Protein backbone atom coordinates (compact mmCIF):
# COMPACT_ATOMS: atom_id res chain seq x y z
CA MET A 1 -18.26 -6.60 16.95
CA LEU A 2 -19.68 -5.66 13.55
CA ALA A 3 -21.27 -2.50 14.94
CA THR A 4 -18.04 -1.56 16.72
CA THR A 5 -15.90 -2.14 13.63
CA MET A 6 -18.30 -0.18 11.43
CA GLN A 7 -18.24 2.90 13.67
CA ALA A 8 -14.51 2.75 14.43
CA LEU A 9 -13.68 2.33 10.74
CA ASP A 10 -15.56 5.51 9.86
CA THR A 11 -13.32 7.66 12.06
CA THR A 12 -10.45 7.34 9.56
CA ILE A 13 -11.69 5.76 6.33
CA ALA A 14 -12.94 9.05 4.84
CA ASN A 15 -9.65 10.91 5.41
CA VAL A 16 -7.89 9.67 2.28
CA ALA A 17 -10.96 10.34 0.12
CA LEU A 18 -11.15 14.06 0.99
CA PRO A 19 -9.13 15.29 -2.05
CA ASN A 20 -11.45 13.35 -4.38
CA MET A 21 -14.52 14.75 -2.64
CA GLN A 22 -13.06 18.25 -2.88
CA GLY A 23 -12.52 17.93 -6.63
CA ASN A 24 -15.92 16.34 -7.20
CA MET A 25 -17.84 18.98 -5.26
CA GLY A 26 -15.70 22.01 -6.17
CA THR A 27 -14.93 23.13 -2.62
CA THR A 28 -11.89 24.50 -0.82
CA GLN A 29 -9.74 22.41 1.50
CA ASP A 30 -11.10 24.24 4.55
CA GLN A 31 -14.69 23.58 3.48
CA ILE A 32 -14.23 19.88 2.74
CA SER A 33 -12.62 19.35 6.16
CA TRP A 34 -16.12 19.78 7.62
CA VAL A 35 -16.85 16.26 6.35
CA LEU A 36 -14.57 15.04 9.16
CA THR A 37 -15.26 17.80 11.69
CA SER A 38 -19.07 17.45 11.60
CA TYR A 39 -18.88 13.69 12.26
CA ILE A 40 -16.39 14.03 15.13
CA ILE A 41 -18.34 16.82 16.87
CA ALA A 42 -21.73 15.06 16.52
CA THR A 43 -20.27 11.81 17.88
CA ALA A 44 -18.63 13.54 20.85
CA ILE A 45 -21.76 15.52 21.79
CA PHE A 46 -24.23 12.64 21.66
CA MET A 47 -22.01 9.90 23.12
CA PRO A 48 -22.77 10.86 26.77
CA LEU A 49 -26.50 10.37 26.03
CA THR A 50 -25.98 6.61 25.61
CA GLY A 51 -26.47 5.67 29.26
CA PHE A 52 -29.71 7.60 29.70
CA VAL A 53 -31.45 6.56 26.47
CA SER A 54 -30.48 2.87 26.85
CA ASN A 55 -31.89 2.81 30.39
CA ARG A 56 -34.99 4.72 29.33
CA PHE A 57 -35.90 2.79 26.17
CA GLY A 58 -33.96 -0.49 26.45
CA ARG A 59 -30.45 -1.28 25.29
CA LYS A 60 -31.50 -3.61 22.48
CA ARG A 61 -33.97 -1.12 20.99
CA ILE A 62 -31.47 1.76 21.06
CA PHE A 63 -28.67 -0.45 19.71
CA ILE A 64 -30.77 -1.60 16.74
CA TRP A 65 -32.03 1.89 15.94
CA SER A 66 -28.46 3.20 16.12
CA VAL A 67 -27.23 0.55 13.68
CA VAL A 68 -30.12 1.18 11.27
CA GLY A 69 -29.72 4.97 11.48
CA PHE A 70 -25.97 4.77 11.00
CA THR A 71 -26.36 2.51 7.94
CA VAL A 72 -29.01 4.73 6.33
CA ALA A 73 -26.94 7.86 7.03
CA SER A 74 -23.92 6.14 5.42
CA MET A 75 -25.96 5.49 2.27
CA LEU A 76 -27.08 9.12 2.22
CA CYS A 77 -23.45 10.30 2.59
CA GLY A 78 -22.47 8.15 -0.40
CA ALA A 79 -25.31 9.60 -2.48
CA ALA A 80 -24.68 13.26 -1.48
CA GLN A 81 -24.40 15.71 -4.38
CA ASN A 82 -22.99 18.78 -2.64
CA LEU A 83 -21.15 19.89 0.48
CA THR A 84 -24.27 20.88 2.43
CA GLN A 85 -25.82 17.46 1.94
CA ILE A 86 -22.77 15.42 2.89
CA VAL A 87 -22.03 17.53 6.00
CA SER A 88 -25.68 17.22 7.11
CA PHE A 89 -25.65 13.45 6.57
CA ARG A 90 -22.30 13.14 8.38
CA VAL A 91 -23.86 14.90 11.39
CA LEU A 92 -26.70 12.36 11.25
CA GLN A 93 -24.16 9.56 10.95
CA GLY A 94 -22.31 10.86 14.01
CA ILE A 95 -25.52 11.12 16.07
CA PHE A 96 -26.50 7.50 15.39
CA GLY A 97 -22.94 6.20 15.59
CA ALA A 98 -22.17 7.85 18.93
CA SER A 99 -23.72 5.06 20.98
CA LEU A 100 -22.45 2.05 18.99
CA ILE A 101 -19.09 1.58 20.75
CA PRO A 102 -20.34 2.25 24.33
CA LEU A 103 -23.38 -0.01 23.83
CA SER A 104 -21.32 -2.85 22.34
CA GLN A 105 -18.91 -2.66 25.28
CA ALA A 106 -21.76 -2.60 27.82
CA VAL A 107 -23.46 -5.58 26.14
CA LEU A 108 -20.29 -7.69 26.27
CA LEU A 109 -19.67 -6.80 29.92
CA ASP A 110 -23.27 -7.79 30.74
CA ILE A 111 -23.47 -11.14 28.93
CA TYR A 112 -20.10 -12.47 30.17
CA PRO A 113 -19.23 -13.22 33.83
CA ARG A 114 -16.50 -11.10 35.43
CA GLU A 115 -13.86 -13.82 35.09
CA ARG A 116 -14.36 -13.78 31.30
CA HIS A 117 -14.41 -9.99 30.88
CA GLY A 118 -10.80 -10.09 29.65
CA SER A 119 -11.69 -12.40 26.76
CA ALA A 120 -14.80 -10.34 25.97
CA MET A 121 -12.85 -7.07 25.93
CA ALA A 122 -10.24 -8.69 23.66
CA MET A 123 -12.91 -9.48 21.07
CA TRP A 124 -14.43 -6.03 21.42
CA GLY A 125 -11.02 -4.34 21.28
CA VAL A 126 -10.25 -5.85 17.88
CA GLY A 127 -13.02 -3.75 16.35
CA VAL A 128 -12.17 -0.57 18.27
CA MET A 129 -8.43 -0.69 17.63
CA VAL A 130 -8.14 -2.33 14.21
CA GLY A 131 -10.92 -0.31 12.57
CA PRO A 132 -9.11 3.07 12.68
CA ILE A 133 -5.80 1.42 11.74
CA LEU A 134 -7.18 -0.29 8.63
CA GLY A 135 -9.38 2.69 7.72
CA PRO A 136 -6.78 4.61 5.64
CA SER A 137 -5.72 1.44 3.77
CA LEU A 138 -9.27 0.42 2.93
CA GLY A 139 -10.25 4.00 2.11
CA GLY A 140 -7.29 4.34 -0.26
CA LEU A 141 -8.13 1.11 -2.09
CA LEU A 142 -11.83 1.98 -2.46
CA THR A 143 -11.06 5.51 -3.65
CA GLU A 144 -8.35 4.37 -6.09
CA TYR A 145 -10.19 1.47 -7.73
CA TYR A 146 -13.84 2.46 -7.32
CA ASN A 147 -15.05 5.85 -6.11
CA TRP A 148 -14.94 7.98 -2.94
CA ARG A 149 -18.63 7.17 -2.40
CA TRP A 150 -17.72 3.58 -1.58
CA VAL A 151 -15.99 4.62 1.65
CA PHE A 152 -19.57 5.15 2.89
CA TYR A 153 -21.36 2.40 0.95
CA ILE A 154 -19.00 -0.17 2.51
CA ASN A 155 -20.97 0.26 5.76
CA VAL A 156 -24.17 -1.15 4.26
CA PRO A 157 -23.30 -4.90 4.39
CA PHE A 158 -21.79 -4.47 7.87
CA GLY A 159 -24.92 -2.64 9.02
CA LEU A 160 -27.29 -5.29 7.64
CA LEU A 161 -25.37 -8.12 9.29
CA ALA A 162 -25.16 -6.24 12.59
CA TRP A 163 -28.89 -5.50 12.51
CA PHE A 164 -29.76 -9.14 11.81
CA GLY A 165 -27.50 -10.40 14.61
CA LEU A 166 -28.78 -7.92 17.19
CA ALA A 167 -32.43 -8.46 16.30
CA SER A 168 -32.03 -12.26 16.44
CA PHE A 169 -29.86 -12.85 19.48
CA LEU A 170 -29.48 -9.81 21.74
CA PRO A 171 -31.70 -9.92 24.87
CA GLU A 172 -33.47 -6.75 25.98
CA THR A 173 -32.46 -5.08 29.24
CA LYS A 174 -34.78 -3.92 31.98
CA ILE A 175 -36.27 -0.51 31.22
CA ASP A 176 -35.85 2.12 33.93
CA ARG A 177 -37.94 5.28 33.50
CA SER A 178 -37.48 6.57 37.06
CA LYS A 179 -34.59 8.89 36.24
CA ARG A 180 -35.48 12.28 34.79
CA PHE A 181 -33.61 13.76 31.88
CA ASP A 182 -31.31 16.59 32.98
CA LEU A 183 -31.64 18.89 29.98
CA LEU A 184 -29.50 21.67 31.46
CA GLY A 185 -26.69 19.27 32.38
CA PHE A 186 -26.68 17.69 28.92
CA THR A 187 -26.77 21.10 27.21
CA LEU A 188 -23.81 22.39 29.23
CA LEU A 189 -21.78 19.25 28.55
CA ALA A 190 -22.69 19.32 24.84
CA ILE A 191 -21.63 22.97 24.52
CA SER A 192 -18.35 22.28 26.33
CA ILE A 193 -17.49 19.24 24.18
CA GLY A 194 -18.63 20.85 20.93
CA ALA A 195 -16.62 24.04 21.53
CA LEU A 196 -13.54 22.01 22.52
CA GLN A 197 -13.75 19.85 19.40
CA MET A 198 -14.16 22.94 17.22
CA MET A 199 -11.11 24.52 18.86
CA LEU A 200 -9.01 21.38 18.37
CA ASP A 201 -10.07 20.91 14.77
CA ARG A 202 -9.64 24.51 13.61
CA GLY A 203 -6.84 25.63 15.92
CA HIS A 204 -3.96 24.66 13.67
CA SER A 205 -5.34 26.36 10.53
CA LEU A 206 -6.21 29.55 12.49
CA ASN A 207 -2.85 29.77 14.35
CA TRP A 208 -4.43 28.83 17.68
CA PHE A 209 -4.82 31.60 20.27
CA ASN A 210 -3.70 34.29 17.84
CA HIS A 211 -7.22 34.08 16.37
CA ILE A 212 -10.32 35.38 18.13
CA GLU A 213 -12.43 32.33 17.15
CA ILE A 214 -10.13 29.94 19.04
CA ILE A 215 -10.11 32.20 22.11
CA ILE A 216 -13.93 32.34 22.13
CA GLU A 217 -14.24 28.55 21.70
CA ALA A 218 -11.76 27.92 24.54
CA CYS A 219 -13.60 30.31 26.87
CA VAL A 220 -17.01 28.84 26.00
CA SER A 221 -15.75 25.29 26.51
CA GLY A 222 -14.11 26.07 29.86
CA LEU A 223 -17.07 28.05 31.21
CA ALA A 224 -19.64 25.44 30.12
CA PHE A 225 -17.59 22.64 31.68
CA TYR A 226 -17.27 24.53 34.98
CA LEU A 227 -21.03 25.13 35.06
CA PHE A 228 -21.64 21.45 34.22
CA ILE A 229 -19.46 20.28 37.15
CA ALA A 230 -21.16 22.70 39.54
CA HIS A 231 -24.58 21.59 38.29
CA MET A 232 -23.67 17.88 38.55
CA PHE A 233 -22.82 18.14 42.25
CA THR A 234 -25.80 20.32 43.20
CA HIS A 235 -28.71 18.89 41.15
CA LYS A 236 -30.93 16.12 42.53
CA HIS A 237 -30.95 14.14 39.28
CA PRO A 238 -27.80 15.16 37.33
CA PHE A 239 -27.07 14.03 33.80
CA ILE A 240 -24.02 12.05 35.05
CA GLU A 241 -24.25 10.54 38.52
CA PRO A 242 -21.40 11.73 40.83
CA ALA A 243 -21.50 8.29 42.49
CA LEU A 244 -19.92 6.96 39.29
CA PHE A 245 -16.63 8.54 40.32
CA LYS A 246 -16.47 6.80 43.70
CA ASP A 247 -14.96 3.74 42.00
CA PHE A 248 -11.18 4.16 42.20
CA ASN A 249 -10.30 1.79 39.33
CA PHE A 250 -12.74 3.55 37.02
CA ASN A 251 -11.25 6.97 37.82
CA VAL A 252 -7.70 5.76 37.14
CA GLY A 253 -8.99 4.03 33.99
CA LEU A 254 -10.43 7.32 32.69
CA ILE A 255 -7.06 9.07 33.09
CA PHE A 256 -5.33 6.07 31.53
CA ILE A 257 -7.62 5.83 28.49
CA PHE A 258 -7.30 9.58 27.89
CA ILE A 259 -3.51 9.21 27.57
CA VAL A 260 -3.93 6.04 25.47
CA GLY A 261 -6.20 8.01 23.13
CA PHE A 262 -3.56 10.76 22.97
CA THR A 263 -0.84 8.36 21.76
CA MET A 264 -2.92 5.77 19.88
CA PHE A 265 -3.87 7.81 16.81
CA SER A 266 -1.10 10.43 16.86
CA SER A 267 1.47 8.23 15.12
CA LEU A 268 -1.18 7.18 12.59
CA VAL A 269 -1.65 10.86 11.74
CA LEU A 270 2.11 11.52 11.44
CA LEU A 271 3.35 8.49 9.51
CA PRO A 272 1.31 8.88 6.25
CA PRO A 273 2.52 12.45 5.51
CA TYR A 274 6.04 11.48 6.62
CA MET A 275 6.11 8.62 4.13
CA GLN A 276 4.43 10.57 1.33
CA SER A 277 6.19 13.94 1.58
CA LEU A 278 9.67 12.86 2.74
CA MET A 279 9.96 9.34 1.33
CA GLY A 280 7.86 9.67 -1.84
CA TYR A 281 5.50 6.74 -1.20
CA PRO A 282 2.14 6.67 -3.05
CA VAL A 283 -1.07 6.46 -1.00
CA ILE A 284 -1.70 2.75 -1.58
CA ASP A 285 1.84 1.77 -0.54
CA VAL A 286 1.49 3.84 2.63
CA GLY A 287 -1.68 1.93 3.51
CA ASN A 288 -0.03 -1.44 2.84
CA ILE A 289 2.99 -0.59 5.01
CA LEU A 290 0.82 0.63 7.90
CA ALA A 291 -1.63 -2.31 7.73
CA PRO A 292 0.62 -4.77 9.68
CA ARG A 293 0.16 -2.53 12.72
CA GLY A 294 -3.42 -3.80 12.84
CA ILE A 295 -2.22 -7.40 12.56
CA GLY A 296 0.04 -6.82 15.58
CA THR A 297 -2.92 -5.42 17.52
CA MET A 298 -5.12 -8.41 16.67
CA LEU A 299 -2.44 -10.93 17.63
CA SER A 300 -1.82 -9.20 20.96
CA MET A 301 -5.53 -9.12 21.74
CA PHE A 302 -5.91 -12.83 21.03
CA ALA A 303 -2.93 -13.42 23.33
CA VAL A 304 -4.51 -11.29 26.06
CA ALA A 305 -7.74 -13.27 25.73
CA ARG A 306 -5.77 -16.45 26.55
CA LEU A 307 -3.70 -14.84 29.32
CA SER A 308 -6.58 -13.05 31.04
CA GLY A 309 -7.29 -14.65 34.41
CA ARG A 310 -3.90 -16.41 34.45
CA ILE A 311 -1.67 -13.33 34.67
CA ASP A 312 -2.36 -10.13 36.57
CA ASP A 313 -3.74 -7.63 34.04
CA ARG A 314 -1.42 -4.95 35.44
CA TYR A 315 1.65 -6.91 34.30
CA ILE A 316 0.21 -7.10 30.78
CA ILE A 317 -0.45 -3.34 30.76
CA PHE A 318 3.12 -2.69 31.98
CA ALA A 319 4.50 -4.85 29.14
CA GLY A 320 2.29 -3.01 26.63
CA ILE A 321 3.53 0.42 27.74
CA THR A 322 7.14 -0.77 27.54
CA LEU A 323 6.67 -2.15 24.01
CA SER A 324 4.89 0.99 22.79
CA ALA A 325 7.57 3.27 24.26
CA TYR A 326 10.34 1.15 22.74
CA ALA A 327 8.67 1.32 19.30
CA LEU A 328 8.43 5.11 19.54
CA TRP A 329 12.08 5.30 20.67
CA GLU A 330 13.07 3.33 17.55
CA MET A 331 11.03 5.76 15.45
CA THR A 332 13.13 8.69 16.75
CA PHE A 333 16.01 7.28 14.64
CA PHE A 334 14.06 7.32 11.36
CA THR A 335 15.54 9.11 8.37
CA PRO A 336 13.92 9.99 5.02
CA ASN A 337 15.80 6.95 3.65
CA VAL A 338 14.60 4.52 6.33
CA ASP A 339 13.79 1.03 5.09
CA SER A 340 10.10 0.09 4.83
CA PHE A 341 10.80 -3.02 6.93
CA GLU A 342 11.80 -0.78 9.85
CA ILE A 343 8.49 1.10 9.60
CA ILE A 344 6.57 -2.19 9.48
CA PHE A 345 8.53 -3.61 12.41
CA THR A 346 7.98 -0.59 14.67
CA GLY A 347 4.33 -0.48 13.60
CA ILE A 348 3.80 -4.12 14.61
CA LEU A 349 5.57 -3.50 17.93
CA GLN A 350 3.40 -0.49 18.64
CA GLY A 351 0.27 -2.39 17.63
CA VAL A 352 1.15 -5.27 19.98
CA GLY A 353 1.87 -2.79 22.77
CA MET A 354 -1.45 -0.98 22.33
CA GLY A 355 -3.32 -4.29 22.34
CA PHE A 356 -1.62 -5.24 25.61
CA ILE A 357 -2.69 -1.90 27.11
CA TYR A 358 -6.21 -1.46 25.77
CA VAL A 359 -7.81 -4.83 26.57
CA PRO A 360 -6.74 -5.36 30.21
CA LEU A 361 -7.30 -1.66 30.92
CA SER A 362 -10.93 -1.97 29.78
CA THR A 363 -11.29 -5.05 31.99
CA ILE A 364 -9.83 -3.44 35.13
CA ALA A 365 -11.63 -0.11 34.69
CA PHE A 366 -15.05 -1.80 34.93
CA SER A 367 -14.10 -4.69 37.22
CA THR A 368 -15.32 -3.11 40.46
CA LEU A 369 -18.00 -0.83 39.01
CA SER A 370 -21.66 -1.52 39.74
CA PRO A 371 -23.56 -2.86 36.67
CA HIS A 372 -26.13 -0.11 37.35
CA PHE A 373 -23.64 2.51 36.07
CA ARG A 374 -22.39 0.47 33.10
CA GLY A 375 -24.24 2.40 30.38
CA GLU A 376 -23.04 5.81 31.58
CA ALA A 377 -19.56 4.49 32.36
CA THR A 378 -18.90 2.98 28.92
CA ALA A 379 -20.08 6.19 27.23
CA LEU A 380 -17.81 8.30 29.44
CA TYR A 381 -14.91 5.91 28.87
CA SER A 382 -15.28 6.15 25.08
CA LEU A 383 -15.71 9.91 25.28
CA LEU A 384 -12.41 10.34 27.17
CA ARG A 385 -10.65 8.17 24.59
CA ASN A 386 -12.04 10.31 21.75
CA LEU A 387 -11.13 13.57 23.51
CA GLY A 388 -7.61 12.24 24.15
CA SER A 389 -7.30 11.40 20.46
CA GLY A 390 -8.51 14.85 19.40
CA ILE A 391 -6.16 16.67 21.75
CA GLY A 392 -3.25 14.36 20.86
CA ILE A 393 -3.66 14.89 17.13
CA SER A 394 -3.88 18.68 17.56
CA VAL A 395 -0.80 18.73 19.81
CA VAL A 396 1.43 16.65 17.51
CA ILE A 397 0.40 18.58 14.38
CA SER A 398 1.09 21.93 16.06
CA TYR A 399 4.31 20.58 17.57
CA LEU A 400 5.35 19.46 14.07
CA SER A 401 4.62 22.85 12.52
CA VAL A 402 6.42 24.86 15.23
CA HIS A 403 9.51 22.65 15.24
CA THR A 404 9.71 22.56 11.44
CA GLN A 405 9.96 26.37 11.44
CA ALA A 406 12.46 26.38 14.32
CA ASN A 407 14.61 23.69 12.68
CA HIS A 408 14.52 25.51 9.36
CA ALA A 409 15.76 28.70 11.02
CA ALA A 410 18.54 26.77 12.78
CA PHE A 411 19.67 24.94 9.63
CA SER A 412 19.48 28.09 7.49
CA SER A 413 22.12 29.76 9.63
CA PHE A 414 24.68 27.35 8.12
CA ILE A 415 23.82 28.40 4.56
CA ASN A 416 26.28 31.26 4.08
CA PRO A 417 29.38 32.03 1.97
CA PHE A 418 31.67 31.47 4.98
CA ASN A 419 30.74 27.79 5.40
CA LEU A 420 33.80 26.09 3.86
CA ALA A 421 32.19 22.63 3.66
CA LEU A 422 29.20 24.08 1.82
CA ARG A 423 31.44 26.06 -0.55
CA ARG A 424 33.38 22.93 -1.47
CA ALA A 425 30.14 21.06 -2.12
CA MET A 426 28.90 23.91 -4.29
CA GLU A 427 32.08 24.27 -6.36
CA SER A 428 30.70 23.41 -9.78
CA GLU A 429 29.20 25.15 -12.76
CA VAL A 430 25.70 23.97 -11.80
CA PHE A 431 25.67 24.83 -8.09
CA GLN A 432 26.79 28.30 -7.09
CA LEU A 433 25.74 30.09 -3.92
CA GLY A 434 24.92 33.28 -5.78
CA ASN A 435 22.64 31.46 -8.20
CA LEU A 436 18.86 31.69 -7.57
CA GLN A 437 18.27 28.11 -8.73
CA THR A 438 20.93 26.84 -6.31
CA LEU A 439 19.38 28.73 -3.42
CA THR A 440 15.95 27.31 -4.28
CA ILE A 441 17.33 23.75 -4.26
CA LEU A 442 19.16 24.40 -1.00
CA ASN A 443 16.02 25.82 0.61
CA ALA A 444 13.98 22.78 -0.45
CA GLU A 445 16.56 20.44 1.08
CA VAL A 446 16.76 22.49 4.29
CA THR A 447 12.96 22.39 4.56
CA ARG A 448 12.98 18.63 3.99
CA GLN A 449 15.59 18.05 6.68
CA ALA A 450 13.86 20.44 9.09
CA ALA A 451 10.56 18.61 8.66
CA GLY A 452 12.29 15.24 9.05
CA LEU A 453 13.80 16.30 12.38
CA ALA A 454 10.44 17.74 13.52
CA TYR A 455 8.77 14.35 12.93
CA LEU A 456 11.44 12.69 15.08
CA GLN A 457 10.85 15.27 17.81
CA ASP A 458 7.14 14.43 17.67
CA PHE A 459 7.90 10.71 18.05
CA ARG A 460 10.07 11.52 21.06
CA LEU A 461 7.25 13.57 22.61
CA MET A 462 4.85 10.63 22.21
CA MET A 463 7.44 8.30 23.74
CA TRP A 464 7.59 10.44 26.90
CA VAL A 465 3.80 10.67 27.07
CA THR A 466 3.60 6.87 26.77
CA LEU A 467 6.17 6.41 29.56
CA ALA A 468 4.11 8.81 31.71
CA MET A 469 1.46 6.07 31.88
CA LEU A 470 3.78 3.72 33.82
CA PRO A 471 3.12 5.22 37.30
CA LEU A 472 -0.65 4.82 36.75
CA VAL A 473 -0.24 1.03 36.62
CA PHE A 474 0.66 1.00 40.33
CA PHE A 475 -2.60 2.79 41.20
CA LEU A 476 -4.77 0.12 39.54
CA LYS A 477 -6.23 -2.59 41.75
CA PRO A 478 -6.43 -6.18 40.44
CA THR A 479 -9.81 -7.52 39.37
CA PRO A 480 -11.79 -9.41 42.05
CA HIS A 481 -11.42 -12.84 40.40
CA GLN A 482 -7.65 -12.32 40.21
CA ILE A 483 -7.52 -11.47 43.92
CA LYS A 484 -9.53 -14.60 44.61
CA GLY A 485 -7.16 -16.65 42.43
């Protein structure tokens, strides 16, 4: 749990500290964004390695070395003096942190019997889900009252406690050195994932496929992935075993978790700028208003832990999708003057819904899978969630930008001397349509309203994507102990 929380927290905690880092190191906004990009790419590339290295060297040994490496890399990030150092240390942090979430999930699935997997996944899910939600709040507090370096130093006590617990209590798994390392397969997959993450991260700033870099990255990613699939089904000892995909529940779970990743972090990316730019909230207040979402997630996960084994997990997932979609539907009625209670209420609803989806989905996805594939499967499961998050964030940001421009053009057509309602509103000595100051004020208000509508259109898009998960519930098969019950 500590290792999971530590890694999950680091996906979002550094975001709010970027302006302070930029000022401290004297870099541009594009340059400082590599603090986030380098970590995300390194994590995505090395996450699929988890299954092989844990089988080859022992799960306990790899887990402990990952925790120690992640903690040391966090200290180095906090002590970095320039951009080159912090980006290099963030890459190191991503390499060591890549295996923490898959290994923690595999450990919990191993040490608990199948009938208690629901309770185990509920405990594990608290760290995975709540960490990214509380990251911006904690990062804002540490940056405001201490220093941006503390967003990295905060990992040290977590890392020490996790190391002590793992070294004291975690049993070692059986080491299997029979499988050879498929270097070509890993290289192709790493190139595909790395190019895709680069494209997603830089696409918005480079105007997507209007820039040659994005076209090259898309082509490289697609070609490498095609070669990886061809290699996987033709090589004697592929990097990822094709037999892994014979399990129907696991395949449906991969599609499901990809969509969950798409919707899970997208609203977290949209709400802070919505509240800051349109509603005028300071950073700390934004964090405090968004924090109850994490409380809703925790409460729902504790409820799932009690309900698991008594109620079919598919019913819980169905309820979670319905709650999440309803929360997003409510968010489509937001205005720049919306009450903070409404934001908190919809956030709690969405948090509860995501908790109802995430925990039973993790249980069902691995319920019929052979324990032999557990290391590879958990890494692949986490990878699909991360890729879904990356694609989701890129889509909603681009969708926001395009619709803001389209809405601005539509609203601007009403700003003309022939609009009688506008002329009546402007009939004063201060506001006159021919006055440059008046036009500037009008343009600012049109831009504000256009952006506000674009956010609502984004929320509606996420609502439809969430509802698209409903048919997948009917493809899931109940866990064996539930069939027996």
